[in-house]
């Protein structure tokens, strides 16, 4: 089973069921394309929300036709999620801070000094700076036929509605026609997985975990390959996915 706090990796049967039920709801082309990008390329929800048409297709000069690219080139800025284009209202909230012994001693002396001077003490004034994650750019070949078909269908529907598209238009738009925020897309993907398909403990991260788990366990590729696909800065993050997938654990427990 997935660890507490980790998204569940759906079985192959659950994935087939997911795409079956998507076709029974509104906007099947868009929703199929969103989930195919998740399950075939392993993108984070925030990265999918920030995708522009130019990342997956070359538009004709008229903006009325397109050709899918062979490789999706994901800019490093997209891995920053909400900060990349200001599409999320969520704020980073600290849960813990840490200091070296020397820094802690300096802070105590400064607090003592300000207190004696009668100054108002605000703990946040003494927090260390947050180290911002810069993210990694990565090129992901779009070689899967089902993925390409889903993107083609989605873009055809977009063209039918908009008539003309621009390279910088969001790849996926809401019912109101605007871009998804990372938070809104996370919720929408979780809705499809949990409510529509009934996959317990699934989340917008399930497709991403499925890709990496498949690469490591079923394809027996190196952690370096999985790290490159995932865009992890540190290989230790990718090593988390070396845990056996749920299907293997279920098989082991079935005939006890």
C-alpha atoms as a PDB file:
ATOM      1  CA  UNK A   1       0.000   0.000   0.000  1.00  0.00           C
ATOM      2  CA  UNK A   2       1.055   3.591  -0.470  1.00  0.00           C
ATOM      3  CA  UNK A   3       2.721   5.146   2.541  1.00  0.00           C
ATOM      4  CA  UNK A   4       0.725   7.585   4.590  1.00  0.00           C
ATOM      5  CA  UNK A   5       0.831  10.903   2.816  1.00  0.00           C
ATOM      6  CA  UNK A   6       1.884   9.387  -0.512  1.00  0.00           C
ATOM      7  CA  UNK A   7      -0.379   9.151  -3.504  1.00  0.00           C
ATOM      8  CA  UNK A   8      -1.606   5.681  -4.403  1.00  0.00           C
ATOM      9  CA  UNK A   9      -0.244   4.113  -7.592  1.00  0.00           C
ATOM     10  CA  UNK A  10      -3.311   2.790  -9.481  1.00  0.00           C
ATOM     11  CA  UNK A  11      -3.157  -0.691 -10.984  1.00  0.00           C
ATOM     12  CA  UNK A  12      -3.380  -1.164 -14.757  1.00  0.00           C
ATOM     13  CA  UNK A  13      -7.033  -2.146 -14.370  1.00  0.00           C
ATOM     14  CA  UNK A  14      -7.778   0.953 -12.307  1.00  0.00           C
ATOM     15  CA  UNK A  15      -6.103   3.130 -14.932  1.00  0.00           C
ATOM     16  CA  UNK A  16      -8.247   1.613 -17.682  1.00  0.00           C
ATOM     17  CA  UNK A  17     -11.340   2.218 -15.571  1.00  0.00           C
ATOM     18  CA  UNK A  18     -10.296   5.829 -14.989  1.00  0.00           C
ATOM     19  CA  UNK A  19     -10.113   6.589 -18.694  1.00  0.00           C
ATOM     20  CA  UNK A  20     -13.398   4.760 -19.301  1.00  0.00           C
ATOM     21  CA  UNK A  21     -15.271   6.907 -16.775  1.00  0.00           C
ATOM     22  CA  UNK A  22     -13.655  10.104 -18.039  1.00  0.00           C
ATOM     23  CA  UNK A  23     -15.419   9.506 -21.358  1.00  0.00           C
ATOM     24  CA  UNK A  24     -18.758   9.484 -19.499  1.00  0.00           C
ATOM     25  CA  UNK A  25     -18.287  13.027 -18.161  1.00  0.00           C
ATOM     26  CA  UNK A  26     -18.105  16.482 -19.693  1.00  0.00           C
ATOM     27  CA  UNK A  27     -14.963  17.580 -21.549  1.00  0.00           C
ATOM     28  CA  UNK A  28     -13.628  14.042 -22.112  1.00  0.00           C
ATOM     29  CA  UNK A  29     -10.936  15.146 -24.569  1.00  0.00           C
ATOM     30  CA  UNK A  30      -9.427  17.666 -22.165  1.00  0.00           C
ATOM     31  CA  UNK A  31      -9.617  15.412 -19.137  1.00  0.00           C
ATOM     32  CA  UNK A  32      -8.188  12.437 -21.023  1.00  0.00           C
ATOM     33  CA  UNK A  33      -5.260  14.562 -22.206  1.00  0.00           C
ATOM     34  CA  UNK A  34      -4.600  15.867 -18.683  1.00  0.00           C
ATOM     35  CA  UNK A  35      -4.464  12.390 -17.210  1.00  0.00           C
ATOM     36  CA  UNK A  36      -2.459  10.968 -20.119  1.00  0.00           C
ATOM     37  CA  UNK A  37       0.187  13.650 -19.576  1.00  0.00           C
ATOM     38  CA  UNK A  38       0.225  12.684 -15.896  1.00  0.00           C
ATOM     39  CA  UNK A  39       0.392   8.901 -16.438  1.00  0.00           C
ATOM     40  CA  UNK A  40       2.664   8.863 -19.503  1.00  0.00           C
ATOM     41  CA  UNK A  41       5.108  11.703 -18.797  1.00  0.00           C
ATOM     42  CA  UNK A  42       5.014  11.911 -15.000  1.00  0.00           C
ATOM     43  CA  UNK A  43       4.475  15.659 -14.784  1.00  0.00           C
ATOM     44  CA  UNK A  44       3.446  17.275 -11.535  1.00  0.00           C
ATOM     45  CA  UNK A  45      -0.009  18.877 -11.472  1.00  0.00           C
ATOM     46  CA  UNK A  46       1.579  22.298 -11.175  1.00  0.00           C
ATOM     47  CA  UNK A  47       3.669  21.620 -14.289  1.00  0.00           C
ATOM     48  CA  UNK A  48       0.624  20.485 -16.254  1.00  0.00           C
ATOM     49  CA  UNK A  49      -1.257  23.621 -15.185  1.00  0.00           C
ATOM     50  CA  UNK A  50       1.553  25.822 -16.515  1.00  0.00           C
ATOM     51  CA  UNK A  51       1.971  24.095 -19.870  1.00  0.00           C
ATOM     52  CA  UNK A  52       1.491  26.263 -22.926  1.00  0.00           C
ATOM     53  CA  UNK A  53       0.556  25.005 -26.380  1.00  0.00           C
ATOM     54  CA  UNK A  54       4.066  25.707 -27.676  1.00  0.00           C
ATOM     55  CA  UNK A  55       5.433  23.033 -25.320  1.00  0.00           C
ATOM     56  CA  UNK A  56       3.554  20.225 -27.103  1.00  0.00           C
ATOM     57  CA  UNK A  57       2.703  21.510 -30.584  1.00  0.00           C
ATOM     58  CA  UNK A  58       3.906  23.747 -33.379  1.00  0.00           C
ATOM     59  CA  UNK A  59       1.107  26.007 -34.573  1.00  0.00           C
ATOM     60  CA  UNK A  60       0.703  27.035 -38.199  1.00  0.00           C
ATOM     61  CA  UNK A  61       1.192  30.796 -38.835  1.00  0.00           C
ATOM     62  CA  UNK A  62      -2.576  31.137 -39.164  1.00  0.00           C
ATOM     63  CA  UNK A  63      -3.119  29.641 -35.723  1.00  0.00           C
ATOM     64  CA  UNK A  64      -5.723  27.332 -37.230  1.00  0.00           C
ATOM     65  CA  UNK A  65      -3.716  24.114 -37.446  1.00  0.00           C
ATOM     66  CA  UNK A  66      -0.932  22.393 -35.536  1.00  0.00           C
ATOM     67  CA  UNK A  67       1.644  19.629 -35.559  1.00  0.00           C
ATOM     68  CA  UNK A  68       2.508  17.741 -32.398  1.00  0.00           C
ATOM     69  CA  UNK A  69       6.146  17.942 -31.372  1.00  0.00           C
ATOM     70  CA  UNK A  70       8.247  14.847 -30.811  1.00  0.00           C
ATOM     71  CA  UNK A  71       9.623  16.109 -27.496  1.00  0.00           C
ATOM     72  CA  UNK A  72       8.015  18.126 -24.726  1.00  0.00           C
ATOM     73  CA  UNK A  73      10.570  20.612 -23.382  1.00  0.00           C
ATOM     74  CA  UNK A  74       9.636  21.607 -19.856  1.00  0.00           C
ATOM     75  CA  UNK A  75      11.213  24.875 -18.636  1.00  0.00           C
ATOM     76  CA  UNK A  76      12.859  24.834 -15.225  1.00  0.00           C
ATOM     77  CA  UNK A  77      10.590  27.670 -14.098  1.00  0.00           C
ATOM     78  CA  UNK A  78       7.547  25.396 -14.368  1.00  0.00           C
ATOM     79  CA  UNK A  79       8.799  23.205 -11.548  1.00  0.00           C
ATOM     80  CA  UNK A  80       8.420  26.211  -9.259  1.00  0.00           C
ATOM     81  CA  UNK A  81       4.688  25.768  -9.745  1.00  0.00           C
ATOM     82  CA  UNK A  82       2.650  28.684  -8.490  1.00  0.00           C
ATOM     83  CA  UNK A  83       5.634  31.046  -8.405  1.00  0.00           C
ATOM     84  CA  UNK A  84       6.370  30.550 -12.106  1.00  0.00           C
ATOM     85  CA  UNK A  85       3.369  32.501 -13.380  1.00  0.00           C
ATOM     86  CA  UNK A  86       1.585  33.652 -10.240  1.00  0.00           C
ATOM     87  CA  UNK A  87      -1.381  31.334 -10.718  1.00  0.00           C
ATOM     88  CA  UNK A  88      -1.789  30.218  -7.115  1.00  0.00           C
ATOM     89  CA  UNK A  89      -2.753  32.009  -3.931  1.00  0.00           C
ATOM     90  CA  UNK A  90      -1.110  29.408  -1.728  1.00  0.00           C
ATOM     91  CA  UNK A  91       1.735  30.601   0.503  1.00  0.00           C
ATOM     92  CA  UNK A  92       4.644  28.710   1.948  1.00  0.00           C
ATOM     93  CA  UNK A  93       4.069  28.129   5.660  1.00  0.00           C
ATOM     94  CA  UNK A  94       7.031  27.218   7.847  1.00  0.00           C
ATOM     95  CA  UNK A  95       6.586  24.265  10.183  1.00  0.00           C
ATOM     96  CA  UNK A  96      10.106  24.258  11.585  1.00  0.00           C
ATOM     97  CA  UNK A  97      13.308  26.304  11.451  1.00  0.00           C
ATOM     98  CA  UNK A  98      16.851  25.225  12.278  1.00  0.00           C
ATOM     99  CA  UNK A  99      20.050  27.077  13.200  1.00  0.00           C
ATOM    100  CA  UNK A 100      23.663  26.224  13.786  1.00  0.00           C
ATOM    101  CA  UNK A 101      24.816  26.522  17.409  1.00  0.00           C
ATOM    102  CA  UNK A 102      26.773  29.670  16.540  1.00  0.00           C
ATOM    103  CA  UNK A 103      23.813  31.309  14.754  1.00  0.00           C
ATOM    104  CA  UNK A 104      21.481  30.422  17.630  1.00  0.00           C
ATOM    105  CA  UNK A 105      23.820  32.085  20.128  1.00  0.00           C
ATOM    106  CA  UNK A 106      23.961  35.233  17.972  1.00  0.00           C
ATOM    107  CA  UNK A 107      20.161  35.332  17.729  1.00  0.00           C
ATOM    108  CA  UNK A 108      19.776  35.032  21.503  1.00  0.00           C
ATOM    109  CA  UNK A 109      22.180  37.919  22.045  1.00  0.00           C
ATOM    110  CA  UNK A 110      20.308  40.040  19.490  1.00  0.00           C
ATOM    111  CA  UNK A 111      16.918  39.233  21.078  1.00  0.00           C
ATOM    112  CA  UNK A 112      18.305  40.129  24.497  1.00  0.00           C
ATOM    113  CA  UNK A 113      19.679  43.391  23.145  1.00  0.00           C
ATOM    114  CA  UNK A 114      16.375  44.379  21.502  1.00  0.00           C
ATOM    115  CA  UNK A 115      14.363  43.396  24.573  1.00  0.00           C
ATOM    116  CA  UNK A 116      16.491  45.585  26.827  1.00  0.00           C
ATOM    117  CA  UNK A 117      15.959  48.463  24.404  1.00  0.00           C
ATOM    118  CA  UNK A 118      12.209  47.986  24.681  1.00  0.00           C
ATOM    119  CA  UNK A 119      11.767  46.944  21.055  1.00  0.00           C
ATOM    120  CA  UNK A 120       8.881  44.713  19.994  1.00  0.00           C
ATOM    121  CA  UNK A 121      10.141  41.207  19.220  1.00  0.00           C
ATOM    122  CA  UNK A 122       8.840  39.476  16.097  1.00  0.00           C
ATOM    123  CA  UNK A 123      10.116  35.857  15.839  1.00  0.00           C
ATOM    124  CA  UNK A 124       9.889  35.917  12.023  1.00  0.00           C
ATOM    125  CA  UNK A 125      12.574  38.610  11.944  1.00  0.00           C
ATOM    126  CA  UNK A 126      15.057  35.983  13.093  1.00  0.00           C
ATOM    127  CA  UNK A 127      14.102  33.107  10.773  1.00  0.00           C
ATOM    128  CA  UNK A 128      16.827  31.956   8.361  1.00  0.00           C
ATOM    129  CA  UNK A 129      16.212  32.633   4.672  1.00  0.00           C
ATOM    130  CA  UNK A 130      14.229  30.049   2.750  1.00  0.00           C
ATOM    131  CA  UNK A 131      16.304  28.230   0.162  1.00  0.00           C
ATOM    132  CA  UNK A 132      14.230  28.373  -2.987  1.00  0.00           C
ATOM    133  CA  UNK A 133      14.109  25.324  -5.231  1.00  0.00           C
ATOM    134  CA  UNK A 134      15.189  26.315  -8.731  1.00  0.00           C
ATOM    135  CA  UNK A 135      13.909  23.201 -10.480  1.00  0.00           C
ATOM    136  CA  UNK A 136      15.305  21.362 -13.469  1.00  0.00           C
ATOM    137  CA  UNK A 137      14.455  21.767 -17.135  1.00  0.00           C
ATOM    138  CA  UNK A 138      13.825  18.443 -18.833  1.00  0.00           C
ATOM    139  CA  UNK A 139      13.052  17.055 -22.276  1.00  0.00           C
ATOM    140  CA  UNK A 140      10.434  14.292 -22.375  1.00  0.00           C
ATOM    141  CA  UNK A 141       9.917  12.417 -25.667  1.00  0.00           C
ATOM    142  CA  UNK A 142       6.221  12.114 -26.473  1.00  0.00           C
ATOM    143  CA  UNK A 143       6.495   8.629 -27.975  1.00  0.00           C
ATOM    144  CA  UNK A 144       3.397   6.990 -26.531  1.00  0.00           C
ATOM    145  CA  UNK A 145       0.703   6.625 -29.185  1.00  0.00           C
ATOM    146  CA  UNK A 146      -2.234   6.931 -26.784  1.00  0.00           C
ATOM    147  CA  UNK A 147      -0.745  10.102 -25.293  1.00  0.00           C
ATOM    148  CA  UNK A 148      -0.302  11.649 -28.721  1.00  0.00           C
ATOM    149  CA  UNK A 149      -3.832  10.746 -29.769  1.00  0.00           C
ATOM    150  CA  UNK A 150      -5.224  12.337 -26.596  1.00  0.00           C
ATOM    151  CA  UNK A 151      -3.302  15.571 -27.184  1.00  0.00           C
ATOM    152  CA  UNK A 152      -4.394  15.654 -30.838  1.00  0.00           C
ATOM    153  CA  UNK A 153      -8.058  15.212 -29.886  1.00  0.00           C
ATOM    154  CA  UNK A 154      -7.824  17.869 -27.184  1.00  0.00           C
ATOM    155  CA  UNK A 155      -6.209  20.448 -29.473  1.00  0.00           C
ATOM    156  CA  UNK A 156      -8.763  19.768 -32.219  1.00  0.00           C
ATOM    157  CA  UNK A 157     -11.554  20.528 -29.754  1.00  0.00           C
ATOM    158  CA  UNK A 158      -9.732  23.702 -28.651  1.00  0.00           C
ATOM    159  CA  UNK A 159      -9.467  24.819 -32.268  1.00  0.00           C
ATOM    160  CA  UNK A 160     -13.133  24.093 -32.945  1.00  0.00           C
ATOM    161  CA  UNK A 161     -14.076  26.388 -30.074  1.00  0.00           C
ATOM    162  CA  UNK A 162     -11.449  29.113 -30.350  1.00  0.00           C
ATOM    163  CA  UNK A 163     -10.923  29.019 -34.144  1.00  0.00           C
ATOM    164  CA  UNK A 164      -7.443  30.473 -33.635  1.00  0.00           C
ATOM    165  CA  UNK A 165      -4.814  29.524 -31.059  1.00  0.00           C
ATOM    166  CA  UNK A 166      -1.559  31.182 -30.019  1.00  0.00           C
ATOM    167  CA  UNK A 167       1.649  29.391 -28.980  1.00  0.00           C
ATOM    168  CA  UNK A 168       1.524  31.009 -25.540  1.00  0.00           C
ATOM    169  CA  UNK A 169      -2.083  30.005 -24.844  1.00  0.00           C
ATOM    170  CA  UNK A 170      -2.458  27.624 -21.877  1.00  0.00           C
ATOM    171  CA  UNK A 171      -2.622  24.021 -23.041  1.00  0.00           C
ATOM    172  CA  UNK A 172      -5.497  23.351 -20.640  1.00  0.00           C
ATOM    173  CA  UNK A 173      -8.191  25.868 -19.711  1.00  0.00           C
ATOM    174  CA  UNK A 174     -11.055  25.817 -17.232  1.00  0.00           C
ATOM    175  CA  UNK A 175     -14.738  25.900 -18.167  1.00  0.00           C
ATOM    176  CA  UNK A 176     -14.536  29.697 -17.944  1.00  0.00           C
ATOM    177  CA  UNK A 177     -11.738  29.734 -20.506  1.00  0.00           C
ATOM    178  CA  UNK A 178      -8.911  30.812 -18.210  1.00  0.00           C
ATOM    179  CA  UNK A 179      -5.775  28.923 -17.180  1.00  0.00           C
ATOM    180  CA  UNK A 180      -5.815  26.469 -14.305  1.00  0.00           C
ATOM    181  CA  UNK A 181      -4.044  27.404 -11.110  1.00  0.00           C
ATOM    182  CA  UNK A 182      -1.893  24.553  -9.775  1.00  0.00           C
ATOM    183  CA  UNK A 183      -4.225  24.154  -6.791  1.00  0.00           C
ATOM    184  CA  UNK A 184      -7.370  24.023  -8.932  1.00  0.00           C
ATOM    185  CA  UNK A 185      -5.883  21.420 -11.267  1.00  0.00           C
ATOM    186  CA  UNK A 186      -4.731  19.301  -8.317  1.00  0.00           C
ATOM    187  CA  UNK A 187      -8.290  19.272  -7.015  1.00  0.00           C
ATOM    188  CA  UNK A 188      -9.729  18.474 -10.438  1.00  0.00           C
ATOM    189  CA  UNK A 189      -7.343  15.548 -10.977  1.00  0.00           C
ATOM    190  CA  UNK A 190      -8.113  14.183  -7.513  1.00  0.00           C
ATOM    191  CA  UNK A 191     -11.835  14.454  -8.310  1.00  0.00           C
ATOM    192  CA  UNK A 192     -11.404  12.316 -11.430  1.00  0.00           C
ATOM    193  CA  UNK A 193      -9.323   9.707  -9.633  1.00  0.00           C
ATOM    194  CA  UNK A 194     -11.191   9.394  -6.345  1.00  0.00           C
ATOM    195  CA  UNK A 195     -14.783  10.421  -7.076  1.00  0.00           C
ATOM    196  CA  UNK A 196     -15.208   9.418 -10.712  1.00  0.00           C
ATOM    197  CA  UNK A 197     -13.008   6.289 -10.759  1.00  0.00           C
ATOM    198  CA  UNK A 198     -13.302   5.379  -7.074  1.00  0.00           C
ATOM    199  CA  UNK A 199      -9.545   4.882  -6.544  1.00  0.00           C
ATOM    200  CA  UNK A 200      -8.951   5.241  -2.822  1.00  0.00           C
ATOM    201  CA  UNK A 201      -6.064   7.432  -1.641  1.00  0.00           C
ATOM    202  CA  UNK A 202      -5.284   8.565  -5.189  1.00  0.00           C
ATOM    203  CA  UNK A 203      -4.259  12.153  -5.857  1.00  0.00           C
ATOM    204  CA  UNK A 204      -2.905  14.350  -8.625  1.00  0.00           C
ATOM    205  CA  UNK A 205       0.499  12.794  -7.854  1.00  0.00           C
ATOM    206  CA  UNK A 206      -0.673   9.247  -8.627  1.00  0.00           C
ATOM    207  CA  UNK A 207       0.175   9.416 -12.326  1.00  0.00           C
ATOM    208  CA  UNK A 208       3.644  10.739 -11.577  1.00  0.00           C
ATOM    209  CA  UNK A 209       4.303   8.011  -8.997  1.00  0.00           C
ATOM    210  CA  UNK A 210       2.971   5.440 -11.468  1.00  0.00           C
ATOM    211  CA  UNK A 211       5.473   6.501 -14.163  1.00  0.00           C
ATOM    212  CA  UNK A 212       8.480   6.460 -11.847  1.00  0.00           C
ATOM    213  CA  UNK A 213       7.467   3.185 -10.180  1.00  0.00           C
ATOM    214  CA  UNK A 214       6.987   1.586 -13.603  1.00  0.00           C
ATOM    215  CA  UNK A 215      10.401   2.758 -14.824  1.00  0.00           C
ATOM    216  CA  UNK A 216      12.194   1.417 -11.738  1.00  0.00           C
ATOM    217  CA  UNK A 217      10.312  -1.826 -11.036  1.00  0.00           C
ATOM    218  CA  UNK A 218       8.814  -3.051 -14.306  1.00  0.00           C
ATOM    219  CA  UNK A 219      11.294  -1.686 -16.840  1.00  0.00           C
ATOM    220  CA  UNK A 220      14.243  -2.158 -14.464  1.00  0.00           C
ATOM    221  CA  UNK A 221      15.808   1.106 -15.583  1.00  0.00           C
ATOM    222  CA  UNK A 222      18.442   2.853 -13.496  1.00  0.00           C
ATOM    223  CA  UNK A 223      17.541   5.394 -10.856  1.00  0.00           C
ATOM    224  CA  UNK A 224      19.387   7.938 -13.020  1.00  0.00           C
ATOM    225  CA  UNK A 225      16.834   7.427 -15.823  1.00  0.00           C
ATOM    226  CA  UNK A 226      13.929   7.745 -13.397  1.00  0.00           C
ATOM    227  CA  UNK A 227      15.510  10.849 -11.856  1.00  0.00           C
ATOM    228  CA  UNK A 228      15.815  12.471 -15.283  1.00  0.00           C
ATOM    229  CA  UNK A 229      12.159  11.770 -16.122  1.00  0.00           C
ATOM    230  CA  UNK A 230      10.974  13.014 -12.739  1.00  0.00           C
ATOM    231  CA  UNK A 231      13.140  16.126 -12.754  1.00  0.00           C
ATOM    232  CA  UNK A 232      14.335  15.461  -9.212  1.00  0.00           C
ATOM    233  CA  UNK A 233      17.311  17.568  -8.149  1.00  0.00           C
ATOM    234  CA  UNK A 234      18.471  14.926  -5.670  1.00  0.00           C
ATOM    235  CA  UNK A 235      18.576  11.196  -6.558  1.00  0.00           C
ATOM    236  CA  UNK A 236      17.620  10.380  -2.960  1.00  0.00           C
ATOM    237  CA  UNK A 237      14.139  11.720  -3.768  1.00  0.00           C
ATOM    238  CA  UNK A 238      13.844   9.253  -6.643  1.00  0.00           C
ATOM    239  CA  UNK A 239      15.015   6.388  -4.415  1.00  0.00           C
ATOM    240  CA  UNK A 240      11.754   6.705  -2.468  1.00  0.00           C
ATOM    241  CA  UNK A 241      10.097   5.039  -5.460  1.00  0.00           C
ATOM    242  CA  UNK A 242      12.194   1.891  -5.008  1.00  0.00           C
ATOM    243  CA  UNK A 243       9.579   0.710  -2.536  1.00  0.00           C
ATOM    244  CA  UNK A 244       7.677  -2.242  -4.077  1.00  0.00           C
ATOM    245  CA  UNK A 245       4.459  -1.159  -5.842  1.00  0.00           C
ATOM    246  CA  UNK A 246       1.093  -2.082  -4.378  1.00  0.00           C
ATOM    247  CA  UNK A 247       0.491  -4.800  -6.984  1.00  0.00           C
ATOM    248  CA  UNK A 248       3.560  -6.769  -5.804  1.00  0.00           C
ATOM    249  CA  UNK A 249       2.582  -6.418  -2.157  1.00  0.00           C
ATOM    250  CA  UNK A 250      -0.987  -7.557  -2.944  1.00  0.00           C
ATOM    251  CA  UNK A 251       0.342 -10.647  -4.742  1.00  0.00           C
ATOM    252  CA  UNK A 252       2.541 -11.497  -1.769  1.00  0.00           C
ATOM    253  CA  UNK A 253      -0.365 -11.255   0.687  1.00  0.00           C
ATOM    254  CA  UNK A 254      -3.012 -12.938  -1.465  1.00  0.00           C
ATOM    255  CA  UNK A 255      -2.178 -16.576  -0.836  1.00  0.00           C
ATOM    256  CA  UNK A 256      -1.004 -16.500   2.785  1.00  0.00           C
END
